[in-house]
Protein backbone atom coordinates (compact mmCIF):
# COMPACT_ATOMS: atom_id res chain seq x y z
CA MET A 1 -12.33 -18.75 -121.42
CA THR A 2 -12.78 -22.84 -121.17
CA THR A 3 -11.18 -24.97 -118.35
CA ASP A 4 -10.39 -28.80 -118.22
CA ARG A 5 -12.84 -29.01 -115.15
CA PRO A 6 -16.09 -27.33 -115.85
CA GLU A 7 -18.23 -26.01 -113.02
CA LEU A 8 -21.43 -27.29 -114.40
CA ILE A 9 -21.79 -31.19 -113.18
CA TRP A 10 -23.47 -32.32 -116.31
CA LEU A 11 -20.38 -31.43 -118.35
CA ARG A 12 -17.98 -33.31 -116.15
CA PRO A 13 -17.51 -36.93 -116.90
CA GLU A 14 -18.90 -39.01 -114.20
CA ARG A 15 -15.84 -41.29 -114.34
CA SER A 16 -12.43 -41.43 -116.11
CA ALA A 17 -12.17 -43.55 -119.14
CA ARG A 18 -9.30 -45.33 -117.67
CA GLY A 19 -8.74 -47.01 -114.28
CA PRO A 20 -11.06 -49.09 -112.08
CA ALA A 21 -14.81 -49.00 -111.95
CA PRO A 22 -15.83 -46.50 -109.45
CA ALA A 23 -17.07 -47.77 -106.09
CA HIS A 24 -20.07 -45.19 -106.02
CA SER A 25 -22.28 -43.24 -108.54
CA ARG A 26 -23.92 -39.79 -108.72
CA ALA A 27 -27.13 -41.26 -108.68
CA ALA A 28 -26.41 -43.25 -105.34
CA ILE A 29 -24.90 -39.92 -103.54
CA ALA A 30 -27.77 -38.16 -104.85
CA ALA A 31 -30.27 -40.60 -103.28
CA ALA A 32 -28.58 -40.61 -99.94
CA ALA A 33 -28.57 -36.93 -99.95
CA ILE A 34 -32.29 -36.62 -100.70
CA ALA A 35 -33.13 -39.30 -97.86
CA LEU A 36 -31.02 -36.84 -95.62
CA ALA A 37 -32.79 -33.70 -96.82
CA ASP A 38 -36.46 -35.37 -96.38
CA ALA A 39 -35.50 -36.44 -93.06
CA GLU A 40 -33.47 -33.42 -91.65
CA GLY A 41 -34.01 -30.62 -94.20
CA LEU A 42 -31.58 -29.23 -96.62
CA ALA A 43 -29.49 -27.98 -93.71
CA GLY A 44 -28.95 -31.52 -92.48
CA VAL A 45 -27.07 -32.65 -95.85
CA SER A 46 -23.72 -32.81 -95.51
CA MET A 47 -20.78 -34.93 -97.20
CA ARG A 48 -19.88 -36.55 -94.00
CA LYS A 49 -23.48 -37.91 -93.27
CA ILE A 50 -23.95 -38.94 -97.03
CA ALA A 51 -20.42 -40.75 -96.78
CA ALA A 52 -21.54 -42.62 -93.74
CA SER A 53 -24.77 -43.85 -95.19
CA LEU A 54 -22.98 -45.15 -98.25
CA GLY A 55 -19.88 -46.59 -96.08
CA ALA A 56 -17.50 -44.54 -97.92
CA GLY A 57 -14.73 -41.99 -96.91
CA THR A 58 -15.76 -38.54 -96.87
CA MET A 59 -13.06 -37.23 -98.94
CA SER A 60 -13.56 -39.89 -101.69
CA LEU A 61 -17.06 -38.70 -102.48
CA TYR A 62 -15.47 -35.22 -103.75
CA ASN A 63 -14.10 -37.21 -106.63
CA TYR A 64 -17.44 -37.44 -107.73
CA VAL A 65 -19.24 -34.23 -106.55
CA PRO A 66 -16.50 -31.61 -105.96
CA LYS A 67 -18.85 -28.97 -104.67
CA LYS A 68 -21.98 -28.87 -102.35
CA GLU A 69 -23.71 -26.63 -105.18
CA GLN A 70 -23.25 -29.51 -107.42
CA LEU A 71 -24.69 -31.92 -104.97
CA PHE A 72 -27.65 -29.74 -104.92
CA ASP A 73 -27.95 -29.83 -108.73
CA LEU A 74 -27.94 -33.57 -108.44
CA MET A 75 -30.56 -33.84 -106.06
CA LEU A 76 -32.86 -31.59 -108.03
CA ASP A 77 -32.62 -33.40 -111.04
CA ALA A 78 -32.97 -36.59 -109.45
CA VAL A 79 -36.33 -35.46 -107.95
CA THR A 80 -37.26 -33.99 -111.18
CA GLY A 81 -36.98 -37.59 -112.45
CA GLU A 82 -39.71 -38.77 -110.25
CA TRP A 83 -42.24 -36.63 -112.39
CA SER A 84 -44.39 -39.18 -114.30
CA LEU A 85 -44.84 -38.04 -117.54
CA PRO A 86 -45.76 -39.82 -120.69
CA ASP A 87 -43.25 -39.90 -123.60
CA THR A 88 -45.53 -37.72 -125.66
CA PRO A 89 -48.15 -35.30 -124.68
CA SER A 90 -51.88 -36.30 -125.14
CA GLY A 91 -52.64 -33.54 -127.75
CA ASP A 92 -54.79 -31.53 -125.17
CA PRO A 93 -52.33 -28.71 -124.05
CA ARG A 94 -54.36 -27.64 -121.13
CA ALA A 95 -54.73 -31.37 -119.72
CA ASP A 96 -51.04 -31.87 -120.61
CA LEU A 97 -49.95 -28.65 -118.69
CA THR A 98 -52.22 -29.29 -115.82
CA GLU A 99 -50.99 -32.89 -115.30
CA TYR A 100 -47.29 -31.72 -115.55
CA ALA A 101 -47.76 -29.15 -112.89
CA ARG A 102 -49.67 -31.85 -110.54
CA GLN A 103 -46.75 -34.23 -110.99
CA GLY A 104 -44.49 -31.16 -109.82
CA LEU A 105 -46.50 -30.65 -106.92
CA LEU A 106 -46.59 -34.17 -105.86
CA ALA A 107 -42.67 -34.55 -106.06
CA MET A 108 -42.53 -31.35 -103.91
CA ARG A 109 -45.02 -32.52 -101.45
CA ARG A 110 -42.64 -35.79 -101.04
CA HIS A 111 -39.61 -33.39 -100.83
CA PRO A 112 -40.60 -30.43 -99.07
CA TRP A 113 -37.01 -28.82 -99.16
CA VAL A 114 -37.22 -28.83 -103.30
CA PRO A 115 -39.36 -25.52 -103.73
CA GLY A 116 -36.89 -23.19 -101.63
CA LEU A 117 -33.85 -24.59 -103.56
CA VAL A 118 -35.47 -24.23 -106.98
CA LEU A 119 -36.57 -20.84 -106.42
CA THR A 120 -33.03 -19.67 -105.37
CA ARG A 121 -30.95 -21.70 -107.82
CA THR A 122 -31.13 -22.08 -111.42
CA SER A 123 -30.65 -25.85 -112.14
CA ILE A 124 -30.89 -27.90 -115.62
CA GLY A 125 -29.97 -31.35 -115.90
CA PRO A 126 -31.07 -34.39 -117.84
CA ASN A 127 -34.36 -34.73 -116.20
CA SER A 128 -35.12 -31.20 -116.47
CA LEU A 129 -34.39 -31.29 -120.20
CA ARG A 130 -37.05 -33.97 -120.58
CA CYS A 131 -39.52 -31.77 -118.82
CA ILE A 132 -38.65 -28.88 -121.26
CA GLU A 133 -38.94 -31.22 -124.01
CA TYR A 134 -42.47 -32.32 -122.93
CA PHE A 135 -43.59 -28.93 -122.12
CA LEU A 136 -42.49 -27.53 -125.90
CA ALA A 137 -44.07 -30.75 -127.28
CA ALA A 138 -47.43 -29.80 -125.50
CA MET A 139 -46.96 -26.25 -126.79
CA ALA A 140 -46.09 -27.19 -130.31
CA GLU A 141 -49.28 -25.79 -131.87
CA SER A 142 -48.96 -22.47 -130.16
CA ASP A 143 -47.58 -19.77 -132.37
CA GLN A 144 -45.72 -18.12 -129.68
CA PRO A 145 -41.99 -17.50 -130.27
CA ALA A 146 -39.41 -20.18 -128.99
CA ASP A 147 -37.96 -17.63 -126.41
CA THR A 148 -41.53 -16.82 -125.21
CA LYS A 149 -42.23 -20.55 -124.65
CA MET A 150 -39.05 -20.83 -122.56
CA GLU A 151 -40.11 -18.03 -120.47
CA LEU A 152 -43.69 -19.68 -120.02
CA PHE A 153 -42.21 -22.74 -119.03
CA ALA A 154 -40.34 -20.93 -116.20
CA ILE A 155 -43.52 -19.20 -115.31
CA LEU A 156 -45.24 -22.64 -114.68
CA ASN A 157 -42.39 -24.07 -112.79
CA SER A 158 -42.07 -21.14 -110.47
CA SER A 159 -45.81 -20.99 -109.87
CA VAL A 160 -45.69 -24.62 -108.79
CA CYS A 161 -42.74 -23.93 -106.64
CA THR A 162 -44.28 -21.02 -104.92
CA PHE A 163 -47.62 -22.89 -104.29
CA ALA A 164 -45.62 -25.83 -102.90
CA GLN A 165 -43.63 -23.60 -100.70
CA TRP A 166 -46.66 -21.67 -99.49
CA GLU A 167 -48.27 -25.00 -98.54
CA ALA A 168 -45.16 -26.24 -96.77
CA ASN A 169 -45.05 -22.91 -94.80
CA GLN A 170 -48.64 -23.33 -93.70
CA ARG A 171 -48.21 -26.88 -92.35
CA ALA A 172 -45.26 -25.49 -90.37
CA GLN A 173 -47.42 -22.72 -88.94
CA GLY A 174 -50.14 -24.85 -87.70
CA GLY A 175 -52.04 -26.01 -90.91
CA ILE A 176 -53.96 -24.50 -93.78
CA GLU A 177 -57.35 -24.64 -91.87
CA GLN A 178 -55.83 -22.54 -88.96
CA TRP A 179 -54.65 -20.06 -91.22
CA ASN A 180 -57.74 -19.56 -93.22
CA ILE A 181 -59.70 -19.23 -90.11
CA GLU A 182 -57.47 -16.39 -88.60
CA LEU A 183 -57.34 -14.77 -92.16
CA VAL A 184 -60.87 -14.59 -92.56
CA THR A 185 -61.53 -13.24 -88.97
CA TYR A 186 -58.82 -10.56 -89.48
CA ILE A 187 -60.32 -9.47 -93.03
CA ALA A 188 -63.91 -9.40 -91.58
CA THR A 189 -62.79 -7.40 -88.56
CA ALA A 190 -60.96 -4.96 -91.19
CA ALA A 191 -63.98 -4.54 -93.31
CA ALA A 192 -66.28 -3.81 -90.62
CA SER A 193 -64.29 -0.97 -89.61
CA GLY A 194 -65.33 1.04 -92.46
CA ASP A 195 -61.92 1.86 -93.61
CA TYR A 196 -61.63 -0.36 -96.40
CA PRO A 197 -64.89 -0.02 -98.47
CA ASN A 198 -63.88 -2.16 -101.41
CA LEU A 199 -62.59 -4.97 -99.26
CA ALA A 200 -66.12 -4.78 -97.34
CA GLY A 201 -67.69 -6.10 -100.49
CA SER A 202 -65.72 -9.21 -100.49
CA ALA A 203 -65.46 -10.06 -96.45
CA GLY A 204 -67.34 -13.22 -95.66
CA SER A 205 -66.56 -14.96 -98.89
CA ALA A 206 -63.56 -17.02 -97.94
CA PRO A 207 -62.09 -19.06 -100.72
CA ASP A 208 -61.93 -22.91 -100.68
CA LEU A 209 -58.39 -23.43 -99.21
CA ASP A 210 -58.57 -27.24 -99.67
CA PRO A 211 -55.12 -27.61 -100.95
CA ASP A 212 -55.77 -29.61 -103.95
CA ALA A 213 -58.86 -27.58 -105.17
CA PHE A 214 -56.71 -24.28 -104.45
CA PHE A 215 -53.91 -25.31 -106.53
CA ALA A 216 -56.22 -26.51 -109.17
CA ARG A 217 -57.99 -23.33 -109.53
CA ASN A 218 -54.71 -21.14 -109.55
CA ILE A 219 -52.65 -23.40 -111.79
CA ASP A 220 -55.65 -23.15 -114.24
CA ARG A 221 -55.20 -19.34 -114.15
CA VAL A 222 -51.54 -19.82 -114.95
CA ILE A 223 -52.22 -22.11 -117.76
CA SER A 224 -54.76 -19.69 -119.09
CA VAL A 225 -52.20 -17.04 -119.26
CA ILE A 226 -49.65 -19.67 -121.09
CA LEU A 227 -52.51 -20.88 -123.60
CA GLY A 228 -54.85 -18.07 -123.64
CA PRO A 229 -58.41 -18.18 -122.40
CA ARG A 230 -60.59 -21.21 -122.89
């Protein structure tokens, strides 16, 4: 059943074809909301605060964005627009997908509220379509079926989001370095107990948890699943 007022924000015209030009725009509203989320977290985002930052009446903004969920969609797509991707891939799929993932991580580091929202809300807007198109172009030589490629796109994105969320959590809990020290100490103690003979063989070989190196290793493994081994 269709309605005259679709739920998906991208199916709704930004402005009526008639009447005066609008005083605000979805882009401006999304930018104000992103600034709030960056400063206060997602919980700090409200139409009242957005309206105050834009010098608008709160109720007037609902003419542009009727629901908060739609505001989140605008915010996510605006952040996705920050990904610096070339118009066409280089022809080296592994390098292209690695850079795609790196751009995603950089955006999520700038906006640490993004991973949690992405992992709980499916949202595809114009900038997301640009990313999908780039991914599919990078995968053009793959003989994977089209639906499988879309699933692999989701896997790559979820891997980036999961890492970014983990990284943000570690910072909130005292830093990755402190977490690494405590984890190695705990594993070494458990291994020395004799209760975990297989773990004992791995004790003492702590991974390099430098965030960039850790991300590079793990995203390379994900890309190997997507493209196949080197």
